[in-house]
């Protein structure tokens, strides 16, 4: 399972999505598209990989799909995500 998370986070766009969710919380796919500079289908594909890895979940709100970090992520996997996000945040300070 840890390997699945690391593989999912190894792609730069997915890592950017996770960082956005980490910093801003629940977000609509429509907000991710311009922020990441990718199409709706590309966002959907990346979100599918993140969902399959257990990192995110989603819910429908009328026409929109809202994504968030999976609140039921097991503690050891949450610790892996915390560590990756800490490294990413540290890159901004360098």
C-alpha atoms as a PDB file:
ATOM      1  CA  UNK A   1       0.000   0.000   0.000  1.00  0.00           C
ATOM      2  CA  UNK A   2       2.848   2.440   0.755  1.00  0.00           C
ATOM      3  CA  UNK A   3       4.310   1.645  -2.656  1.00  0.00           C
ATOM      4  CA  UNK A   4       0.951   2.450  -4.304  1.00  0.00           C
ATOM      5  CA  UNK A   5       0.932   5.852  -2.608  1.00  0.00           C
ATOM      6  CA  UNK A   6       4.496   6.626  -3.615  1.00  0.00           C
ATOM      7  CA  UNK A   7       3.853   5.559  -7.201  1.00  0.00           C
ATOM      8  CA  UNK A   8       0.730   7.758  -7.327  1.00  0.00           C
ATOM      9  CA  UNK A   9       2.651  10.716  -5.882  1.00  0.00           C
ATOM     10  CA  UNK A  10       5.596  10.146  -8.210  1.00  0.00           C
ATOM     11  CA  UNK A  11       3.800  11.880 -11.076  1.00  0.00           C
ATOM     12  CA  UNK A  12       4.210  15.698 -10.863  1.00  0.00           C
ATOM     13  CA  UNK A  13       0.597  16.585 -11.673  1.00  0.00           C
ATOM     14  CA  UNK A  14      -0.779  14.201  -9.065  1.00  0.00           C
ATOM     15  CA  UNK A  15       1.690  15.523  -6.524  1.00  0.00           C
ATOM     16  CA  UNK A  16       0.499  19.058  -7.332  1.00  0.00           C
ATOM     17  CA  UNK A  17      -3.120  17.955  -6.858  1.00  0.00           C
ATOM     18  CA  UNK A  18      -2.315  16.439  -3.469  1.00  0.00           C
ATOM     19  CA  UNK A  19      -0.432  19.531  -2.419  1.00  0.00           C
ATOM     20  CA  UNK A  20      -3.391  21.708  -3.396  1.00  0.00           C
ATOM     21  CA  UNK A  21      -5.804  19.487  -1.444  1.00  0.00           C
ATOM     22  CA  UNK A  22      -3.376  19.471   1.483  1.00  0.00           C
ATOM     23  CA  UNK A  23      -3.201  23.262   1.580  1.00  0.00           C
ATOM     24  CA  UNK A  24      -6.776  24.173   0.571  1.00  0.00           C
ATOM     25  CA  UNK A  25      -8.976  21.236   1.532  1.00  0.00           C
ATOM     26  CA  UNK A  26     -11.921  20.020  -0.496  1.00  0.00           C
ATOM     27  CA  UNK A  27     -11.732  21.283  -4.067  1.00  0.00           C
ATOM     28  CA  UNK A  28     -13.788  21.013  -7.227  1.00  0.00           C
ATOM     29  CA  UNK A  29     -12.191  19.474 -10.296  1.00  0.00           C
ATOM     30  CA  UNK A  30     -13.178  22.660 -12.134  1.00  0.00           C
ATOM     31  CA  UNK A  31     -10.788  24.608  -9.871  1.00  0.00           C
ATOM     32  CA  UNK A  32      -7.943  22.168 -10.455  1.00  0.00           C
ATOM     33  CA  UNK A  33      -8.038  22.397 -14.250  1.00  0.00           C
ATOM     34  CA  UNK A  34      -6.821  26.007 -14.619  1.00  0.00           C
ATOM     35  CA  UNK A  35      -4.527  25.758 -11.621  1.00  0.00           C
ATOM     36  CA  UNK A  36      -2.721  22.760 -13.099  1.00  0.00           C
ATOM     37  CA  UNK A  37      -3.131  23.726 -16.751  1.00  0.00           C
ATOM     38  CA  UNK A  38      -4.731  20.419 -17.709  1.00  0.00           C
ATOM     39  CA  UNK A  39      -8.012  19.335 -19.295  1.00  0.00           C
ATOM     40  CA  UNK A  40     -10.994  17.953 -17.421  1.00  0.00           C
ATOM     41  CA  UNK A  41     -10.312  14.465 -18.748  1.00  0.00           C
ATOM     42  CA  UNK A  42      -6.700  14.666 -17.558  1.00  0.00           C
ATOM     43  CA  UNK A  43      -7.821  15.779 -14.071  1.00  0.00           C
ATOM     44  CA  UNK A  44     -10.299  12.895 -13.972  1.00  0.00           C
ATOM     45  CA  UNK A  45      -7.610  10.404 -14.948  1.00  0.00           C
ATOM     46  CA  UNK A  46      -5.216  11.663 -12.273  1.00  0.00           C
ATOM     47  CA  UNK A  47      -7.968  11.672  -9.654  1.00  0.00           C
ATOM     48  CA  UNK A  48      -8.833   8.086 -10.525  1.00  0.00           C
ATOM     49  CA  UNK A  49      -5.232   7.028  -9.825  1.00  0.00           C
ATOM     50  CA  UNK A  50      -5.255   8.929  -6.516  1.00  0.00           C
ATOM     51  CA  UNK A  51      -8.587   7.348  -5.531  1.00  0.00           C
ATOM     52  CA  UNK A  52      -7.321   3.855  -6.406  1.00  0.00           C
ATOM     53  CA  UNK A  53      -4.279   4.479  -4.201  1.00  0.00           C
ATOM     54  CA  UNK A  54      -6.674   5.415  -1.396  1.00  0.00           C
ATOM     55  CA  UNK A  55      -5.362   8.978  -1.120  1.00  0.00           C
ATOM     56  CA  UNK A  56      -8.517  10.888  -2.053  1.00  0.00           C
ATOM     57  CA  UNK A  57     -12.238  10.486  -2.016  1.00  0.00           C
ATOM     58  CA  UNK A  58     -14.902  12.418  -3.851  1.00  0.00           C
ATOM     59  CA  UNK A  59     -18.503  13.468  -3.624  1.00  0.00           C
ATOM     60  CA  UNK A  60     -20.981  14.987  -6.013  1.00  0.00           C
ATOM     61  CA  UNK A  61     -22.439  18.404  -5.354  1.00  0.00           C
ATOM     62  CA  UNK A  62     -24.993  18.949  -8.112  1.00  0.00           C
ATOM     63  CA  UNK A  63     -22.903  19.193 -11.293  1.00  0.00           C
ATOM     64  CA  UNK A  64     -19.547  19.418  -9.534  1.00  0.00           C
ATOM     65  CA  UNK A  65     -17.306  16.681  -8.205  1.00  0.00           C
ATOM     66  CA  UNK A  66     -15.480  17.687  -5.038  1.00  0.00           C
ATOM     67  CA  UNK A  67     -12.256  15.967  -4.010  1.00  0.00           C
ATOM     68  CA  UNK A  68     -10.525  15.804  -0.646  1.00  0.00           C
ATOM     69  CA  UNK A  69      -7.770  13.873   1.031  1.00  0.00           C
ATOM     70  CA  UNK A  70      -9.215  10.611   2.285  1.00  0.00           C
ATOM     71  CA  UNK A  71     -10.102  11.219   5.954  1.00  0.00           C
ATOM     72  CA  UNK A  72      -9.996   7.459   6.558  1.00  0.00           C
ATOM     73  CA  UNK A  73      -6.404   7.072   5.392  1.00  0.00           C
ATOM     74  CA  UNK A  74      -4.743   4.633   7.834  1.00  0.00           C
ATOM     75  CA  UNK A  75      -2.305   6.337  10.251  1.00  0.00           C
ATOM     76  CA  UNK A  76       0.849   4.798   8.753  1.00  0.00           C
ATOM     77  CA  UNK A  77      -0.183   5.906   5.258  1.00  0.00           C
ATOM     78  CA  UNK A  78      -1.162   9.312   6.543  1.00  0.00           C
ATOM     79  CA  UNK A  79       2.344   9.573   8.003  1.00  0.00           C
ATOM     80  CA  UNK A  80       3.827   8.825   4.565  1.00  0.00           C
ATOM     81  CA  UNK A  81       1.669  11.536   3.017  1.00  0.00           C
ATOM     82  CA  UNK A  82       2.618  13.971   5.802  1.00  0.00           C
ATOM     83  CA  UNK A  83       6.300  13.318   5.136  1.00  0.00           C
ATOM     84  CA  UNK A  84       5.960  13.844   1.377  1.00  0.00           C
ATOM     85  CA  UNK A  85       3.986  17.057   1.883  1.00  0.00           C
ATOM     86  CA  UNK A  86       6.569  18.332   4.386  1.00  0.00           C
ATOM     87  CA  UNK A  87       9.338  17.784   1.844  1.00  0.00           C
ATOM     88  CA  UNK A  88       7.306  19.568  -0.826  1.00  0.00           C
ATOM     89  CA  UNK A  89       6.606  22.499   1.490  1.00  0.00           C
ATOM     90  CA  UNK A  90      10.309  22.702   2.305  1.00  0.00           C
ATOM     91  CA  UNK A  91      11.131  23.102  -1.394  1.00  0.00           C
ATOM     92  CA  UNK A  92       9.336  26.463  -1.368  1.00  0.00           C
ATOM     93  CA  UNK A  93      11.567  27.735   1.407  1.00  0.00           C
ATOM     94  CA  UNK A  94      14.807  26.744  -0.313  1.00  0.00           C
END
